[in-house]
PDB file of all heavy atoms in Angstrom:
ATOM      1  N   ILE A   1      -2.172-158.775  67.458  1.00  0.00           N
ATOM      2  CA  ILE A   1      -1.213-158.666  66.353  1.00  0.00           C
ATOM      3  C   ILE A   1       0.180-158.843  66.933  1.00  0.00           C
ATOM      4  O   ILE A   1       0.646-158.004  67.718  1.00  0.00           O
ATOM      5  CB  ILE A   1      -1.329-157.317  65.625  1.00  0.00           C
ATOM      6  CG1 ILE A   1      -2.744-157.140  65.057  1.00  0.00           C
ATOM      7  CG2 ILE A   1      -0.278-157.207  64.514  1.00  0.00           C
ATOM      8  CD1 ILE A   1      -2.998-155.790  64.416  1.00  0.00           C
ATOM      9  N   GLY A   2       0.837-159.947  66.575  1.00  0.00           N
ATOM     10  CA  GLY A   2       2.150-160.220  67.129  1.00  0.00           C
ATOM     11  C   GLY A   2       2.092-160.318  68.643  1.00  0.00           C
ATOM     12  O   GLY A   2       1.274-161.050  69.200  1.00  0.00           O
ATOM     13  N   ASP A   3       2.937-159.577  69.326  1.00  0.00           N
ATOM     14  CA  ASP A   3       2.998-159.592  70.788  1.00  0.00           C
ATOM     15  C   ASP A   3       2.070-158.574  71.430  1.00  0.00           C
ATOM     16  O   ASP A   3       2.170-158.317  72.634  1.00  0.00           O
ATOM     17  CB  ASP A   3       4.438-159.329  71.260  1.00  0.00           C
ATOM     18  CG  ASP A   3       5.375-160.459  70.889  1.00  0.00           C
ATOM     19  OD1 ASP A   3       4.905-161.608  70.789  1.00  0.00           O
ATOM     20  OD2 ASP A   3       6.576-160.189  70.688  1.00  0.00           O
ATOM     21  N   TRP A   4       1.150-158.006  70.635  1.00  0.00           N
ATOM     22  CA  TRP A   4       0.308-156.918  71.133  1.00  0.00           C
ATOM     23  C   TRP A   4      -1.169-157.209  70.942  1.00  0.00           C
ATOM     24  O   TRP A   4      -1.568-157.883  69.988  1.00  0.00           O
ATOM     25  CB  TRP A   4       0.655-155.604  70.429  1.00  0.00           C
ATOM     26  CG  TRP A   4       2.042-155.135  70.729  1.00  0.00           C
ATOM     27  CD1 TRP A   4       3.191-155.470  70.070  1.00  0.00           C
ATOM     28  CD2 TRP A   4       2.437-154.278  71.803  1.00  0.00           C
ATOM     29  NE1 TRP A   4       4.268-154.877  70.654  1.00  0.00           N
ATOM     30  CE2 TRP A   4       3.846-154.134  71.727  1.00  0.00           C
ATOM     31  CE3 TRP A   4       1.743-153.616  72.819  1.00  0.00           C
ATOM     32  CZ2 TRP A   4       4.558-153.350  72.632  1.00  0.00           C
ATOM     33  CZ3 TRP A   4       2.456-152.830  73.714  1.00  0.00           C
ATOM     34  CH2 TRP A   4       3.847-152.704  73.619  1.00  0.00           C
ATOM     35  N   LEU A   5      -1.966-156.676  71.847  1.00  0.00           N
ATOM     36  CA  LEU A   5      -3.413-156.605  71.708  1.00  0.00           C
ATOM     37  C   LEU A   5      -3.776-155.142  71.539  1.00  0.00           C
ATOM     38  O   LEU A   5      -3.394-154.301  72.366  1.00  0.00           O
ATOM     39  CB  LEU A   5      -4.106-157.167  72.949  1.00  0.00           C
ATOM     40  CG  LEU A   5      -5.584-156.782  73.134  1.00  0.00           C
ATOM     41  CD1 LEU A   5      -6.450-157.405  72.045  1.00  0.00           C
ATOM     42  CD2 LEU A   5      -6.088-157.185  74.522  1.00  0.00           C
ATOM     43  N   LEU A   6      -4.495-154.821  70.469  1.00  0.00           N
ATOM     44  CA  LEU A   6      -4.990-153.463  70.263  1.00  0.00           C
ATOM     45  C   LEU A   6      -6.503-153.469  70.383  1.00  0.00           C
ATOM     46  O   LEU A   6      -7.177-154.362  69.850  1.00  0.00           O
ATOM     47  CB  LEU A   6      -4.578-152.919  68.897  1.00  0.00           C
ATOM     48  CG  LEU A   6      -3.123-152.441  68.770  1.00  0.00           C
ATOM     49  CD1 LEU A   6      -2.178-153.608  68.538  1.00  0.00           C
ATOM     50  CD2 LEU A   6      -2.980-151.418  67.658  1.00  0.00           C
ATOM     51  N   TYR A   7      -7.057-152.474  71.091  1.00  0.00           N
ATOM     52  CA  TYR A   7      -8.508-152.354  71.180  1.00  0.00           C
ATOM     53  C   TYR A   7      -8.891-150.885  71.259  1.00  0.00           C
ATOM     54  O   TYR A   7      -8.077-150.026  71.643  1.00  0.00           O
ATOM     55  CB  TYR A   7      -9.063-153.142  72.366  1.00  0.00           C
ATOM     56  CG  TYR A   7      -8.752-152.577  73.739  1.00  0.00           C
ATOM     57  CD1 TYR A   7      -9.688-151.788  74.417  1.00  0.00           C
ATOM     58  CD2 TYR A   7      -7.546-152.836  74.373  1.00  0.00           C
ATOM     59  CE1 TYR A   7      -9.424-151.284  75.678  1.00  0.00           C
ATOM     60  CE2 TYR A   7      -7.272-152.334  75.628  1.00  0.00           C
ATOM     61  CZ  TYR A   7      -8.211-151.557  76.285  1.00  0.00           C
ATOM     62  OH  TYR A   7      -7.942-151.048  77.531  1.00  0.00           O
ATOM     63  N   ALA A   8     -10.125-150.593  70.867  1.00  0.00           N
ATOM     64  CA  ALA A   8     -10.565-149.203  70.798  1.00  0.00           C
ATOM     65  C   ALA A   8     -12.071-149.136  70.952  1.00  0.00           C
ATOM     66  O   ALA A   8     -12.790-150.132  70.782  1.00  0.00           O
ATOM     67  CB  ALA A   8     -10.153-148.574  69.467  1.00  0.00           C
ATOM     68  N   GLY A   9     -12.566-147.942  71.273  1.00  0.00           N
ATOM     69  CA  GLY A   9     -13.999-147.697  71.393  1.00  0.00           C
ATOM     70  C   GLY A   9     -14.359-146.380  70.758  1.00  0.00           C
ATOM     71  O   GLY A   9     -13.492-145.540  70.474  1.00  0.00           O
ATOM     72  N   GLY A  10     -15.654-146.195  70.547  1.00  0.00           N
ATOM     73  CA  GLY A  10     -16.105-144.968  69.916  1.00  0.00           C
ATOM     74  C   GLY A  10     -15.986-143.755  70.812  1.00  0.00           C
ATOM     75  O   GLY A  10     -15.850-142.637  70.361  1.00  0.00           O
ATOM     76  N   ARG A  11     -16.055-143.970  72.147  1.00  0.00           N
ATOM     77  CA  ARG A  11     -15.895-142.876  73.098  1.00  0.00           C
ATOM     78  C   ARG A  11     -14.822-143.257  74.109  1.00  0.00           C
ATOM     79  O   ARG A  11     -14.513-144.425  74.307  1.00  0.00           O
ATOM     80  CB  ARG A  11     -17.218-142.594  73.833  1.00  0.00           C
ATOM     81  CG  ARG A  11     -18.327-142.139  72.933  1.00  0.00           C
ATOM     82  CD  ARG A  11     -19.484-141.605  73.774  1.00  0.00           C
ATOM     83  NE  ARG A  11     -20.028-142.609  74.663  1.00  0.00           N
ATOM     84  CZ  ARG A  11     -21.009-143.424  74.355  1.00  0.00           C
ATOM     85  NH1 ARG A  11     -21.541-143.386  73.153  1.00  0.00           N
ATOM     86  NH2 ARG A  11     -21.474-144.296  75.225  1.00  0.00           N
ATOM     87  N   VAL A  12     -14.288-142.280  74.794  1.00  0.00           N
ATOM     88  CA  VAL A  12     -13.208-142.506  75.746  1.00  0.00           C
ATOM     89  C   VAL A  12     -13.772-142.540  77.156  1.00  0.00           C
ATOM     90  O   VAL A  12     -14.663-141.784  77.511  1.00  0.00           O
ATOM     91  CB  VAL A  12     -12.151-141.384  75.617  1.00  0.00           C
ATOM     92  CG1 VAL A  12     -11.031-141.592  76.621  1.00  0.00           C
ATOM     93  CG2 VAL A  12     -11.597-141.356  74.206  1.00  0.00           C
ATOM     94  N   ARG A  13     -13.238-143.422  77.969  1.00  0.00           N
ATOM     95  CA  ARG A  13     -13.677-143.520  79.363  1.00  0.00           C
ATOM     96  C   ARG A  13     -12.463-143.477  80.278  1.00  0.00           C
ATOM     97  O   ARG A  13     -11.511-144.215  80.105  1.00  0.00           O
ATOM     98  CB  ARG A  13     -14.445-144.832  79.577  1.00  0.00           C
ATOM     99  CG  ARG A  13     -14.906-145.049  81.007  1.00  0.00           C
ATOM    100  CD  ARG A  13     -15.764-146.303  81.063  1.00  0.00           C
ATOM    101  NE  ARG A  13     -16.248-146.574  82.406  1.00  0.00           N
ATOM    102  CZ  ARG A  13     -15.619-147.336  83.284  1.00  0.00           C
ATOM    103  NH1 ARG A  13     -14.473-147.893  82.956  1.00  0.00           N
ATOM    104  NH2 ARG A  13     -16.124-147.537  84.486  1.00  0.00           N
ATOM    105  N   ARG A  14     -12.499-142.621  81.279  1.00  0.00           N
ATOM    106  CA  ARG A  14     -11.387-142.487  82.203  1.00  0.00           C
ATOM    107  C   ARG A  14     -11.321-143.697  83.130  1.00  0.00           C
ATOM    108  O   ARG A  14     -12.325-144.234  83.569  1.00  0.00           O
ATOM    109  CB  ARG A  14     -11.568-141.213  83.043  1.00  0.00           C
ATOM    110  CG  ARG A  14     -10.398-140.952  83.997  1.00  0.00           C
ATOM    111  CD  ARG A  14     -10.632-139.673  84.778  1.00  0.00           C
ATOM    112  NE  ARG A  14     -10.730-138.520  83.897  1.00  0.00           N
ATOM    113  CZ  ARG A  14      -9.689-137.843  83.439  1.00  0.00           C
ATOM    114  NH1 ARG A  14      -8.466-138.227  83.762  1.00  0.00           N
ATOM    115  NH2 ARG A  14      -9.859-136.800  82.659  1.00  0.00           N
ATOM    116  N   ASP A  15     -10.103-144.135  83.419  1.00  0.00           N
ATOM    117  CA  ASP A  15      -9.886-145.214  84.387  1.00  0.00           C
ATOM    118  C   ASP A  15     -10.126-144.626  85.773  1.00  0.00           C
ATOM    119  O   ASP A  15      -9.320-143.833  86.270  1.00  0.00           O
ATOM    120  CB  ASP A  15      -8.455-145.745  84.249  1.00  0.00           C
ATOM    121  CG  ASP A  15      -8.211-146.951  85.155  1.00  0.00           C
ATOM    122  OD1 ASP A  15      -9.022-147.180  86.057  1.00  0.00           O
ATOM    123  OD2 ASP A  15      -7.200-147.634  84.951  1.00  0.00           O
ATOM    124  N   LEU A  16     -11.240-145.027  86.403  1.00  0.00           N
ATOM    125  CA  LEU A  16     -11.638-144.433  87.674  1.00  0.00           C
ATOM    126  C   LEU A  16     -10.732-144.837  88.830  1.00  0.00           C
ATOM    127  O   LEU A  16     -10.808-144.266  89.909  1.00  0.00           O
ATOM    128  CB  LEU A  16     -13.083-144.829  87.985  1.00  0.00           C
ATOM    129  CG  LEU A  16     -14.124-144.357  86.957  1.00  0.00           C
ATOM    130  CD1 LEU A  16     -15.504-144.845  87.364  1.00  0.00           C
ATOM    131  CD2 LEU A  16     -14.104-142.845  86.817  1.00  0.00           C
ATOM    132  N   ARG A  17      -9.874-145.825  88.625  1.00  0.00           N
ATOM    133  CA  ARG A  17      -9.020-146.282  89.721  1.00  0.00           C
ATOM    134  C   ARG A  17      -7.799-145.394  89.916  1.00  0.00           C
ATOM    135  O   ARG A  17      -7.091-145.508  90.900  1.00  0.00           O
ATOM    136  CB  ARG A  17      -8.581-147.727  89.460  1.00  0.00           C
ATOM    137  CG  ARG A  17      -9.720-148.728  89.589  1.00  0.00           C
ATOM    138  CD  ARG A  17      -9.375-150.039  88.954  1.00  0.00           C
ATOM    139  NE  ARG A  17      -9.239-149.892  87.509  1.00  0.00           N
ATOM    140  CZ  ARG A  17      -9.200-150.910  86.659  1.00  0.00           C
ATOM    141  NH1 ARG A  17      -9.267-152.130  87.106  1.00  0.00           N
ATOM    142  NH2 ARG A  17      -9.075-150.691  85.370  1.00  0.00           N
ATOM    143  N   LYS A  18      -7.528-144.525  88.940  1.00  0.00           N
ATOM    144  CA  LYS A  18      -6.362-143.662  89.047  1.00  0.00           C
ATOM    145  C   LYS A  18      -6.778-142.227  88.765  1.00  0.00           C
ATOM    146  O   LYS A  18      -7.298-141.921  87.697  1.00  0.00           O
ATOM    147  CB  LYS A  18      -5.273-144.086  88.057  1.00  0.00           C
ATOM    148  CG  LYS A  18      -4.646-145.441  88.383  1.00  0.00           C
ATOM    149  CD  LYS A  18      -3.495-145.733  87.429  1.00  0.00           C
ATOM    150  CE  LYS A  18      -2.829-147.068  87.752  1.00  0.00           C
ATOM    151  NZ  LYS A  18      -1.709-147.346  86.819  1.00  0.00           N
ATOM    152  N   GLU A  19      -6.508-141.357  89.713  1.00  0.00           N
ATOM    153  CA  GLU A  19      -6.834-139.948  89.557  1.00  0.00           C
ATOM    154  C   GLU A  19      -5.952-139.351  88.465  1.00  0.00           C
ATOM    155  O   GLU A  19      -4.735-139.522  88.447  1.00  0.00           O
ATOM    156  CB  GLU A  19      -6.604-139.206  90.878  1.00  0.00           C
ATOM    157  CG  GLU A  19      -7.121-137.773  90.861  1.00  0.00           C
ATOM    158  CD  GLU A  19      -8.630-137.724  90.760  1.00  0.00           C
ATOM    159  OE1 GLU A  19      -9.284-138.670  91.234  1.00  0.00           O
ATOM    160  OE2 GLU A  19      -9.138-136.736  90.200  1.00  0.00           O
ATOM    161  N   GLY A  20      -6.586-138.674  87.505  1.00  0.00           N
ATOM    162  CA  GLY A  20      -5.824-138.032  86.446  1.00  0.00           C
ATOM    163  C   GLY A  20      -5.224-138.998  85.451  1.00  0.00           C
ATOM    164  O   GLY A  20      -4.237-138.681  84.802  1.00  0.00           O
ATOM    165  N   SER A  21      -5.784-140.193  85.336  1.00  0.00           N
ATOM    166  CA  SER A  21      -5.216-141.188  84.422  1.00  0.00           C
ATOM    167  C   SER A  21      -5.385-140.745  82.977  1.00  0.00           C
ATOM    168  O   SER A  21      -6.276-139.981  82.630  1.00  0.00           O
ATOM    169  CB  SER A  21      -5.890-142.541  84.634  1.00  0.00           C
ATOM    170  OG  SER A  21      -7.279-142.447  84.380  1.00  0.00           O
ATOM    171  N   GLU A  22      -4.499-141.285  82.107  1.00  0.00           N
ATOM    172  CA  GLU A  22      -4.525-140.929  80.696  1.00  0.00           C
ATOM    173  C   GLU A  22      -5.777-141.491  80.029  1.00  0.00           C
ATOM    174  O   GLU A  22      -6.312-142.507  80.439  1.00  0.00           O
ATOM    175  CB  GLU A  22      -3.288-141.477  79.996  1.00  0.00           C
ATOM    176  CG  GLU A  22      -1.983-140.814  80.443  1.00  0.00           C
ATOM    177  CD  GLU A  22      -0.797-141.416  79.738  1.00  0.00           C
ATOM    178  OE1 GLU A  22      -0.581-142.628  79.877  1.00  0.00           O
ATOM    179  OE2 GLU A  22      -0.101-140.669  79.043  1.00  0.00           O
ATOM    180  N   GLN A  23      -6.207-140.809  78.986  1.00  0.00           N
ATOM    181  CA  GLN A  23      -7.334-141.264  78.206  1.00  0.00           C
ATOM    182  C   GLN A  23      -6.888-141.406  76.757  1.00  0.00           C
ATOM    183  O   GLN A  23      -6.056-140.653  76.280  1.00  0.00           O
ATOM    184  CB  GLN A  23      -8.495-140.277  78.274  1.00  0.00           C
ATOM    185  CG  GLN A  23      -9.038-140.056  79.686  1.00  0.00           C
ATOM    186  CD  GLN A  23     -10.230-139.139  79.661  1.00  0.00           C
ATOM    187  OE1 GLN A  23     -11.242-139.458  79.065  1.00  0.00           O
ATOM    188  NE2 GLN A  23     -10.115-137.997  80.306  1.00  0.00           N
ATOM    189  N   ALA A  24      -7.455-142.387  76.065  1.00  0.00           N
ATOM    190  CA  ALA A  24      -7.161-142.556  74.650  1.00  0.00           C
ATOM    191  C   ALA A  24      -8.270-143.359  74.011  1.00  0.00           C
ATOM    192  O   ALA A  24      -8.936-144.155  74.673  1.00  0.00           O
ATOM    193  CB  ALA A  24      -5.819-143.250  74.451  1.00  0.00           C
ATOM    194  N   ALA A  25      -8.501-143.133  72.728  1.00  0.00           N
ATOM    195  CA  ALA A  25      -9.497-143.907  72.011  1.00  0.00           C
ATOM    196  C   ALA A  25      -8.951-145.271  71.625  1.00  0.00           C
ATOM    197  O   ALA A  25      -9.707-146.159  71.277  1.00  0.00           O
ATOM    198  CB  ALA A  25      -9.934-143.151  70.761  1.00  0.00           C
ATOM    199  N   LEU A  26      -7.649-145.439  71.669  1.00  0.00           N
ATOM    200  CA  LEU A  26      -6.993-146.660  71.216  1.00  0.00           C
ATOM    201  C   LEU A  26      -5.913-147.046  72.222  1.00  0.00           C
ATOM    202  O   LEU A  26      -5.158-146.187  72.692  1.00  0.00           O
ATOM    203  CB  LEU A  26      -6.361-146.424  69.837  1.00  0.00           C
ATOM    204  CG  LEU A  26      -5.486-147.521  69.244  1.00  0.00           C
ATOM    205  CD1 LEU A  26      -6.328-148.749  68.909  1.00  0.00           C
ATOM    206  CD2 LEU A  26      -4.776-147.009  67.996  1.00  0.00           C
TER     207      LEU A  26
END
């Protein structure tokens, strides 16, 4: 949408490459 890509999932998965990384459904 415009200059952005939005994506989401039914469950949240932590980014394993960064300790304590943020989580979000969207």
